[in-house]
Amino acid sequence: TVKSPSAPVMPRMARVAGADEMANYPEGTVMVVNGRPVATRELDALAAFLANTPSGGDDAMRLQRAAFDLIRIEAVASTFDEAQAECEDQIGQIAQALDQGKPIAEFVKAHGSVRGADADGKVGVTPYSPFGPRFEQIAFSTEIGKRSRPFRTPEGIALLVVDGEAKGERPELDRRNCTVVMVPYTKDAEAMAKAQMAISQGQVDLLVRDEQAMAAVPPLFKPQVAPVVAPAPTIDVEATKKQL
């Protein structure tokens, strides 16, 4: 038997929330991703970081790039909401241990790191890396020799230590050499792949504060305005005959 092709998955469109809906979230919330608030200051700070790095496109494109990264982070985290509290507790304990002088490599071996890192958790972070703008922001804003605060990624909660930097021939080739430890939301690769696929298919419940915030929404989630079709011209046949 031949299986019929499954119907395409339609993306869920973002919508402007009513005032009563936004009242359920902290003041300064610019959008809500699967019930999780994103602060205006967080979006603005990430967009400002991108404005100071080599980038194509205009301010609107950078704002959408920043918004997409925050949306995917919160969307995945919401999928593993119950596991997140445990991850936060573990990464907090790791941060305390690092402050007491324990080597970060010890925790990399116990918990893991980001994709692309070596066995010791070492990885180079450059502009336009596969880790995304939020990760780049943390790597380039942390002082050399210091560790970052824990932060969410699309796969788990991480912290990094900046070991050094390398200047490229062009700014877009600059690199921060980091050691990263990450506590994953799940070790179930299938569950993680499913969560990531939901984002690529636009399966995210997205509320925005107002029409101005809607401008930051990436095209994948933005409602499409139907083009205005001009009415077809009508011809008065009898009048045309008389003129002829």
C-alpha atoms as a PDB file:
ATOM      1  CA  THR A   1       0.000   0.000   0.000  1.00  0.00           C
ATOM      2  CA  VAL A   2       1.122   3.533  -0.734  1.00  0.00           C
ATOM      3  CA  LYS A   3       0.825   5.998   2.121  1.00  0.00           C
ATOM      4  CA  SER A   4      -0.754   9.287   1.203  1.00  0.00           C
ATOM      5  CA  PRO A   5       1.465  12.303   1.915  1.00  0.00           C
ATOM      6  CA  SER A   6       0.727  14.019   5.214  1.00  0.00           C
ATOM      7  CA  ALA A   7      -0.785  17.484   5.111  1.00  0.00           C
ATOM      8  CA  PRO A   8       1.744  20.303   5.500  1.00  0.00           C
ATOM      9  CA  VAL A   9       2.024  21.788   8.962  1.00  0.00           C
ATOM     10  CA  MET A  10       0.777  25.357   8.987  1.00  0.00           C
ATOM     11  CA  PRO A  11       2.766  27.825  11.116  1.00  0.00           C
ATOM     12  CA  ARG A  12       0.969  29.467  13.998  1.00  0.00           C
ATOM     13  CA  MET A  13       0.819  33.191  13.500  1.00  0.00           C
ATOM     14  CA  ALA A  14       1.794  35.703  16.165  1.00  0.00           C
ATOM     15  CA  ARG A  15      -0.962  37.979  17.403  1.00  0.00           C
ATOM     16  CA  VAL A  16      -1.207  41.180  19.372  1.00  0.00           C
ATOM     17  CA  ALA A  17      -2.301  40.427  22.928  1.00  0.00           C
ATOM     18  CA  GLY A  18      -5.081  42.291  24.622  1.00  0.00           C
ATOM     19  CA  ALA A  19      -4.332  44.536  27.590  1.00  0.00           C
ATOM     20  CA  ASP A  20      -5.914  42.021  29.952  1.00  0.00           C
ATOM     21  CA  GLU A  21      -3.621  39.258  28.641  1.00  0.00           C
ATOM     22  CA  MET A  22      -0.426  41.297  29.042  1.00  0.00           C
ATOM     23  CA  ALA A  23      -1.452  42.133  32.607  1.00  0.00           C
ATOM     24  CA  ASN A  24      -0.670  38.506  33.461  1.00  0.00           C
ATOM     25  CA  TYR A  25       3.022  39.005  32.691  1.00  0.00           C
ATOM     26  CA  PRO A  26       5.778  41.158  34.235  1.00  0.00           C
ATOM     27  CA  GLU A  27       5.910  44.823  33.345  1.00  0.00           C
ATOM     28  CA  GLY A  28       8.233  45.405  30.391  1.00  0.00           C
ATOM     29  CA  THR A  29       7.307  42.170  28.598  1.00  0.00           C
ATOM     30  CA  VAL A  30       7.551  42.631  24.833  1.00  0.00           C
ATOM     31  CA  MET A  31       6.433  39.140  23.751  1.00  0.00           C
ATOM     32  CA  VAL A  32       5.296  35.850  25.236  1.00  0.00           C
ATOM     33  CA  VAL A  33       6.624  32.558  23.831  1.00  0.00           C
ATOM     34  CA  ASN A  34       4.593  29.484  24.778  1.00  0.00           C
ATOM     35  CA  GLY A  35       3.590  31.298  27.944  1.00  0.00           C
ATOM     36  CA  ARG A  36       7.122  32.462  28.766  1.00  0.00           C
ATOM     37  CA  PRO A  37       7.721  36.251  28.859  1.00  0.00           C
ATOM     38  CA  VAL A  38      10.569  37.943  26.987  1.00  0.00           C
ATOM     39  CA  ALA A  39      11.602  41.315  28.403  1.00  0.00           C
ATOM     40  CA  THR A  40      11.928  44.388  26.213  1.00  0.00           C
ATOM     41  CA  ARG A  41      15.333  45.134  27.722  1.00  0.00           C
ATOM     42  CA  GLU A  42      16.583  41.655  26.763  1.00  0.00           C
ATOM     43  CA  LEU A  43      15.484  42.038  23.141  1.00  0.00           C
ATOM     44  CA  ASP A  44      16.839  45.591  22.908  1.00  0.00           C
ATOM     45  CA  ALA A  45      20.201  44.593  24.414  1.00  0.00           C
ATOM     46  CA  LEU A  46      20.630  41.731  21.962  1.00  0.00           C
ATOM     47  CA  ALA A  47      19.684  43.930  18.999  1.00  0.00           C
ATOM     48  CA  ALA A  48      22.165  46.575  20.213  1.00  0.00           C
ATOM     49  CA  PHE A  49      24.889  43.921  20.398  1.00  0.00           C
ATOM     50  CA  LEU A  50      24.200  42.916  16.809  1.00  0.00           C
ATOM     51  CA  ALA A  51      24.334  46.563  15.739  1.00  0.00           C
ATOM     52  CA  ASN A  52      27.918  46.732  17.014  1.00  0.00           C
ATOM     53  CA  THR A  53      29.054  43.596  15.218  1.00  0.00           C
ATOM     54  CA  PRO A  54      29.684  43.140  11.479  1.00  0.00           C
ATOM     55  CA  SER A  55      26.267  42.544  10.063  1.00  0.00           C
ATOM     56  CA  GLY A  56      24.371  42.687   6.842  1.00  0.00           C
ATOM     57  CA  GLY A  57      20.921  44.163   6.702  1.00  0.00           C
ATOM     58  CA  ASP A  58      19.316  47.059   8.482  1.00  0.00           C
ATOM     59  CA  ASP A  59      18.089  47.640  12.032  1.00  0.00           C
ATOM     60  CA  ALA A  60      14.803  45.878  11.311  1.00  0.00           C
ATOM     61  CA  MET A  61      16.570  42.718  10.146  1.00  0.00           C
ATOM     62  CA  ARG A  62      18.869  42.717  13.171  1.00  0.00           C
ATOM     63  CA  LEU A  63      15.874  43.122  15.463  1.00  0.00           C
ATOM     64  CA  GLN A  64      14.162  40.148  13.835  1.00  0.00           C
ATOM     65  CA  ARG A  65      17.341  38.073  14.121  1.00  0.00           C
ATOM     66  CA  ALA A  66      17.557  38.887  17.834  1.00  0.00           C
ATOM     67  CA  ALA A  67      13.870  38.095  18.316  1.00  0.00           C
ATOM     68  CA  PHE A  68      14.136  34.748  16.518  1.00  0.00           C
ATOM     69  CA  ASP A  69      17.012  33.635  18.730  1.00  0.00           C
ATOM     70  CA  LEU A  70      15.108  34.513  21.917  1.00  0.00           C
ATOM     71  CA  ILE A  71      11.975  32.849  20.562  1.00  0.00           C
ATOM     72  CA  ARG A  72      13.751  29.570  19.807  1.00  0.00           C
ATOM     73  CA  ILE A  73      15.475  29.573  23.210  1.00  0.00           C
ATOM     74  CA  GLU A  74      12.227  30.086  25.106  1.00  0.00           C
ATOM     75  CA  ALA A  75      10.259  27.721  22.873  1.00  0.00           C
ATOM     76  CA  VAL A  76      12.637  24.824  23.521  1.00  0.00           C
ATOM     77  CA  ALA A  77      12.934  25.634  27.225  1.00  0.00           C
ATOM     78  CA  SER A  78       9.134  25.604  27.512  1.00  0.00           C
ATOM     79  CA  THR A  79       9.069  22.080  26.061  1.00  0.00           C
ATOM     80  CA  PHE A  80      11.225  20.880  28.945  1.00  0.00           C
ATOM     81  CA  ASP A  81       9.761  23.188  31.570  1.00  0.00           C
ATOM     82  CA  GLU A  82       9.837  20.598  34.352  1.00  0.00           C
ATOM     83  CA  ALA A  83      13.497  19.731  33.708  1.00  0.00           C
ATOM     84  CA  GLN A  84      14.591  23.361  33.602  1.00  0.00           C
ATOM     85  CA  ALA A  85      14.438  23.905  37.364  1.00  0.00           C
ATOM     86  CA  GLU A  86      16.756  20.947  37.924  1.00  0.00           C
ATOM     87  CA  CYS A  87      19.111  22.215  35.219  1.00  0.00           C
ATOM     88  CA  GLU A  88      19.212  25.651  36.830  1.00  0.00           C
ATOM     89  CA  ASP A  89      20.016  24.109  40.200  1.00  0.00           C
ATOM     90  CA  GLN A  90      22.860  22.021  38.758  1.00  0.00           C
ATOM     91  CA  ILE A  91      24.402  24.890  36.796  1.00  0.00           C
ATOM     92  CA  GLY A  92      24.174  27.068  39.900  1.00  0.00           C
ATOM     93  CA  GLN A  93      26.146  24.501  41.869  1.00  0.00           C
ATOM     94  CA  ILE A  94      28.726  24.365  39.083  1.00  0.00           C
ATOM     95  CA  ALA A  95      29.101  28.154  39.169  1.00  0.00           C
ATOM     96  CA  GLN A  96      29.731  28.067  42.917  1.00  0.00           C
ATOM     97  CA  ALA A  97      32.312  25.305  42.506  1.00  0.00           C
ATOM     98  CA  LEU A  98      34.129  27.291  39.797  1.00  0.00           C
ATOM     99  CA  ASP A  99      34.244  30.307  42.091  1.00  0.00           C
ATOM    100  CA  GLN A 100      35.918  28.055  44.661  1.00  0.00           C
ATOM    101  CA  GLY A 101      38.651  27.182  42.188  1.00  0.00           C
ATOM    102  CA  LYS A 102      37.539  23.852  40.757  1.00  0.00           C
ATOM    103  CA  PRO A 103      38.445  23.331  37.070  1.00  0.00           C
ATOM    104  CA  ILE A 104      35.636  23.686  34.564  1.00  0.00           C
ATOM    105  CA  ALA A 105      36.865  20.635  32.617  1.00  0.00           C
ATOM    106  CA  GLU A 106      35.756  18.472  35.547  1.00  0.00           C
ATOM    107  CA  PHE A 107      32.136  19.533  34.991  1.00  0.00           C
ATOM    108  CA  VAL A 108      32.351  19.322  31.213  1.00  0.00           C
ATOM    109  CA  LYS A 109      33.166  15.638  31.563  1.00  0.00           C
ATOM    110  CA  ALA A 110      30.270  15.133  33.969  1.00  0.00           C
ATOM    111  CA  HIS A 111      27.566  17.104  32.112  1.00  0.00           C
ATOM    112  CA  GLY A 112      28.757  17.916  28.593  1.00  0.00           C
ATOM    113  CA  SER A 113      29.160  20.982  26.423  1.00  0.00           C
ATOM    114  CA  VAL A 114      27.732  22.555  23.293  1.00  0.00           C
ATOM    115  CA  ARG A 115      27.899  20.913  19.890  1.00  0.00           C
ATOM    116  CA  GLY A 116      31.197  21.572  18.180  1.00  0.00           C
ATOM    117  CA  ALA A 117      33.214  21.788  21.398  1.00  0.00           C
ATOM    118  CA  ASP A 118      36.086  19.388  21.973  1.00  0.00           C
ATOM    119  CA  ALA A 119      36.216  16.835  24.772  1.00  0.00           C
ATOM    120  CA  ASP A 120      37.335  19.513  27.238  1.00  0.00           C
ATOM    121  CA  GLY A 121      34.510  21.878  26.292  1.00  0.00           C
ATOM    122  CA  LYS A 122      36.724  24.263  24.344  1.00  0.00           C
ATOM    123  CA  VAL A 123      35.196  26.043  21.378  1.00  0.00           C
ATOM    124  CA  GLY A 124      35.796  29.136  19.271  1.00  0.00           C
ATOM    125  CA  VAL A 125      32.913  31.605  19.081  1.00  0.00           C
ATOM    126  CA  THR A 126      32.726  33.987  16.128  1.00  0.00           C
ATOM    127  CA  PRO A 127      30.082  36.353  14.769  1.00  0.00           C
ATOM    128  CA  TYR A 128      27.419  34.387  12.891  1.00  0.00           C
ATOM    129  CA  SER A 129      28.364  31.190  14.691  1.00  0.00           C
ATOM    130  CA  PRO A 130      25.857  28.307  14.766  1.00  0.00           C
ATOM    131  CA  PHE A 131      25.352  29.022  18.481  1.00  0.00           C
ATOM    132  CA  GLY A 132      23.249  32.100  17.748  1.00  0.00           C
ATOM    133  CA  PRO A 133      23.340  35.798  18.706  1.00  0.00           C
ATOM    134  CA  ARG A 134      22.583  35.305  22.409  1.00  0.00           C
ATOM    135  CA  PHE A 135      25.526  32.923  22.796  1.00  0.00           C
ATOM    136  CA  GLU A 136      27.781  35.328  20.894  1.00  0.00           C
ATOM    137  CA  GLN A 137      26.626  38.191  23.089  1.00  0.00           C
ATOM    138  CA  ILE A 138      27.647  36.284  26.223  1.00  0.00           C
ATOM    139  CA  ALA A 139      31.007  35.221  24.777  1.00  0.00           C
ATOM    140  CA  PHE A 140      32.027  38.685  23.559  1.00  0.00           C
ATOM    141  CA  SER A 141      30.759  40.599  26.593  1.00  0.00           C
ATOM    142  CA  THR A 142      32.462  38.412  29.225  1.00  0.00           C
ATOM    143  CA  GLU A 143      35.940  39.569  30.232  1.00  0.00           C
ATOM    144  CA  ILE A 144      38.870  37.393  29.276  1.00  0.00           C
ATOM    145  CA  GLY A 145      39.707  35.048  32.128  1.00  0.00           C
ATOM    146  CA  LYS A 146      36.241  35.437  33.676  1.00  0.00           C
ATOM    147  CA  ARG A 147      33.178  33.246  33.636  1.00  0.00           C
ATOM    148  CA  SER A 148      29.732  34.229  32.527  1.00  0.00           C
ATOM    149  CA  ARG A 149      26.550  33.925  34.490  1.00  0.00           C
ATOM    150  CA  PRO A 150      24.439  30.855  33.615  1.00  0.00           C
ATOM    151  CA  PHE A 151      22.273  31.416  30.542  1.00  0.00           C
ATOM    152  CA  ARG A 152      19.708  29.476  28.546  1.00  0.00           C
ATOM    153  CA  THR A 153      20.520  28.046  25.129  1.00  0.00           C
ATOM    154  CA  PRO A 154      18.293  26.098  22.714  1.00  0.00           C
ATOM    155  CA  GLU A 155      19.591  22.833  24.209  1.00  0.00           C
ATOM    156  CA  GLY A 156      20.201  23.491  27.886  1.00  0.00           C
ATOM    157  CA  ILE A 157      21.575  25.899  30.461  1.00  0.00           C
ATOM    158  CA  ALA A 158      25.222  26.823  30.064  1.00  0.00           C
ATOM    159  CA  LEU A 159      27.996  28.962  31.378  1.00  0.00           C
ATOM    160  CA  LEU A 160      31.318  29.721  29.793  1.00  0.00           C
ATOM    161  CA  VAL A 161      34.795  30.874  30.689  1.00  0.00           C
ATOM    162  CA  VAL A 162      36.570  33.093  28.183  1.00  0.00           C
ATOM    163  CA  ASP A 163      40.105  31.735  27.835  1.00  0.00           C
ATOM    164  CA  GLY A 164      41.316  34.278  25.282  1.00  0.00           C
ATOM    165  CA  GLU A 165      40.627  35.919  21.969  1.00  0.00           C
ATOM    166  CA  ALA A 166      42.042  35.998  18.469  1.00  0.00           C
ATOM    167  CA  LYS A 167      41.701  39.017  16.206  1.00  0.00           C
ATOM    168  CA  GLY A 168      40.958  38.234  12.587  1.00  0.00           C
ATOM    169  CA  GLU A 169      41.926  40.119   9.474  1.00  0.00           C
ATOM    170  CA  ARG A 170      38.396  41.485   9.488  1.00  0.00           C
ATOM    171  CA  PRO A 171      36.076  42.053  12.465  1.00  0.00           C
ATOM    172  CA  GLU A 172      33.759  39.256  11.340  1.00  0.00           C
ATOM    173  CA  LEU A 173      36.707  36.870  11.758  1.00  0.00           C
ATOM    174  CA  ASP A 174      37.331  37.789  15.400  1.00  0.00           C
ATOM    175  CA  ARG A 175      37.062  34.820  17.741  1.00  0.00           C
ATOM    176  CA  ARG A 176      36.558  34.305  21.446  1.00  0.00           C
ATOM    177  CA  ASN A 177      38.136  31.086  22.723  1.00  0.00           C
ATOM    178  CA  CYS A 178      35.865  29.701  25.413  1.00  0.00           C
ATOM    179  CA  THR A 179      35.365  26.678  27.598  1.00  0.00           C
ATOM    180  CA  VAL A 180      31.677  25.849  27.904  1.00  0.00           C
ATOM    181  CA  VAL A 181      29.808  23.548  30.247  1.00  0.00           C
ATOM    182  CA  MET A 182      26.146  22.864  29.581  1.00  0.00           C
ATOM    183  CA  VAL A 183      23.507  20.955  31.504  1.00  0.00           C
ATOM    184  CA  PRO A 184      21.089  19.706  28.805  1.00  0.00           C
ATOM    185  CA  TYR A 185      17.326  19.868  29.236  1.00  0.00           C
ATOM    186  CA  THR A 186      17.169  16.248  28.119  1.00  0.00           C
ATOM    187  CA  LYS A 187      19.493  13.485  26.954  1.00  0.00           C
ATOM    188  CA  ASP A 188      16.751  12.118  24.723  1.00  0.00           C
ATOM    189  CA  ALA A 189      17.966  13.072  21.242  1.00  0.00           C
ATOM    190  CA  GLU A 190      14.585  12.301  19.684  1.00  0.00           C
ATOM    191  CA  ALA A 191      12.743  14.564  22.121  1.00  0.00           C
ATOM    192  CA  MET A 192      15.206  17.377  21.483  1.00  0.00           C
ATOM    193  CA  ALA A 193      14.930  16.976  17.711  1.00  0.00           C
ATOM    194  CA  LYS A 194      11.137  17.127  17.994  1.00  0.00           C
ATOM    195  CA  ALA A 195      11.333  20.353  20.011  1.00  0.00           C
ATOM    196  CA  GLN A 196      13.665  21.909  17.447  1.00  0.00           C
ATOM    197  CA  MET A 197      11.459  20.773  14.564  1.00  0.00           C
ATOM    198  CA  ALA A 198       8.450  22.481  16.128  1.00  0.00           C
ATOM    199  CA  ILE A 199      10.258  25.812  15.868  1.00  0.00           C
ATOM    200  CA  SER A 200      11.315  25.322  12.247  1.00  0.00           C
ATOM    201  CA  GLN A 201       7.679  24.535  11.422  1.00  0.00           C
ATOM    202  CA  GLY A 202       6.447  27.635  13.232  1.00  0.00           C
ATOM    203  CA  GLN A 203       4.646  25.671  15.953  1.00  0.00           C
ATOM    204  CA  VAL A 204       5.025  28.345  18.621  1.00  0.00           C
ATOM    205  CA  ASP A 205       2.314  30.250  20.482  1.00  0.00           C
ATOM    206  CA  LEU A 206       3.498  33.832  20.213  1.00  0.00           C
ATOM    207  CA  LEU A 207       1.878  36.917  21.711  1.00  0.00           C
ATOM    208  CA  VAL A 208       3.283  40.409  21.229  1.00  0.00           C
ATOM    209  CA  ARG A 209       2.617  43.507  23.279  1.00  0.00           C
ATOM    210  CA  ASP A 210       1.474  45.788  20.455  1.00  0.00           C
ATOM    211  CA  GLU A 211       1.774  46.500  16.745  1.00  0.00           C
ATOM    212  CA  GLN A 212       5.210  48.050  17.260  1.00  0.00           C
ATOM    213  CA  ALA A 213       6.430  44.794  18.819  1.00  0.00           C
ATOM    214  CA  MET A 214       4.961  42.886  15.876  1.00  0.00           C
ATOM    215  CA  ALA A 215       7.630  44.536  13.693  1.00  0.00           C
ATOM    216  CA  ALA A 216      10.266  42.446  15.526  1.00  0.00           C
ATOM    217  CA  VAL A 217       8.508  39.159  14.742  1.00  0.00           C
ATOM    218  CA  PRO A 218      10.399  37.047  12.147  1.00  0.00           C
ATOM    219  CA  PRO A 219       8.531  36.340   8.890  1.00  0.00           C
ATOM    220  CA  LEU A 220       7.979  32.684   9.871  1.00  0.00           C
ATOM    221  CA  PHE A 221       5.586  33.759  12.635  1.00  0.00           C
ATOM    222  CA  LYS A 222       4.221  37.015  11.211  1.00  0.00           C
ATOM    223  CA  PRO A 223       0.663  37.138   9.854  1.00  0.00           C
ATOM    224  CA  GLN A 224       0.708  37.671   6.130  1.00  0.00           C
ATOM    225  CA  VAL A 225      -1.347  40.522   4.766  1.00  0.00           C
ATOM    226  CA  ALA A 226      -3.342  39.448   1.731  1.00  0.00           C
ATOM    227  CA  PRO A 227      -2.613  41.602  -1.311  1.00  0.00           C
ATOM    228  CA  VAL A 228      -5.331  43.987  -2.388  1.00  0.00           C
ATOM    229  CA  VAL A 229      -6.677  42.886  -5.749  1.00  0.00           C
ATOM    230  CA  ALA A 230      -8.050  45.663  -7.919  1.00  0.00           C
ATOM    231  CA  PRO A 231     -11.497  44.921  -9.332  1.00  0.00           C
ATOM    232  CA  ALA A 232     -11.520  43.893 -12.957  1.00  0.00           C
ATOM    233  CA  PRO A 233     -12.669  46.680 -15.256  1.00  0.00           C
ATOM    234  CA  THR A 234     -16.179  46.299 -16.638  1.00  0.00           C
ATOM    235  CA  ILE A 235     -17.145  47.156 -20.180  1.00  0.00           C
ATOM    236  CA  ASP A 236     -20.533  48.543 -21.096  1.00  0.00           C
ATOM    237  CA  VAL A 237     -21.037  46.653 -24.352  1.00  0.00           C
ATOM    238  CA  GLU A 238     -24.125  48.612 -25.486  1.00  0.00           C
ATOM    239  CA  ALA A 239     -22.449  51.969 -24.866  1.00  0.00           C
ATOM    240  CA  THR A 240     -19.407  50.844 -26.799  1.00  0.00           C
ATOM    241  CA  LYS A 241     -21.578  49.789 -29.730  1.00  0.00           C
ATOM    242  CA  LYS A 242     -23.263  53.190 -29.832  1.00  0.00           C
ATOM    243  CA  GLN A 243     -19.872  54.940 -29.816  1.00  0.00           C
ATOM    244  CA  LEU A 244     -18.711  52.814 -32.691  1.00  0.00           C
END
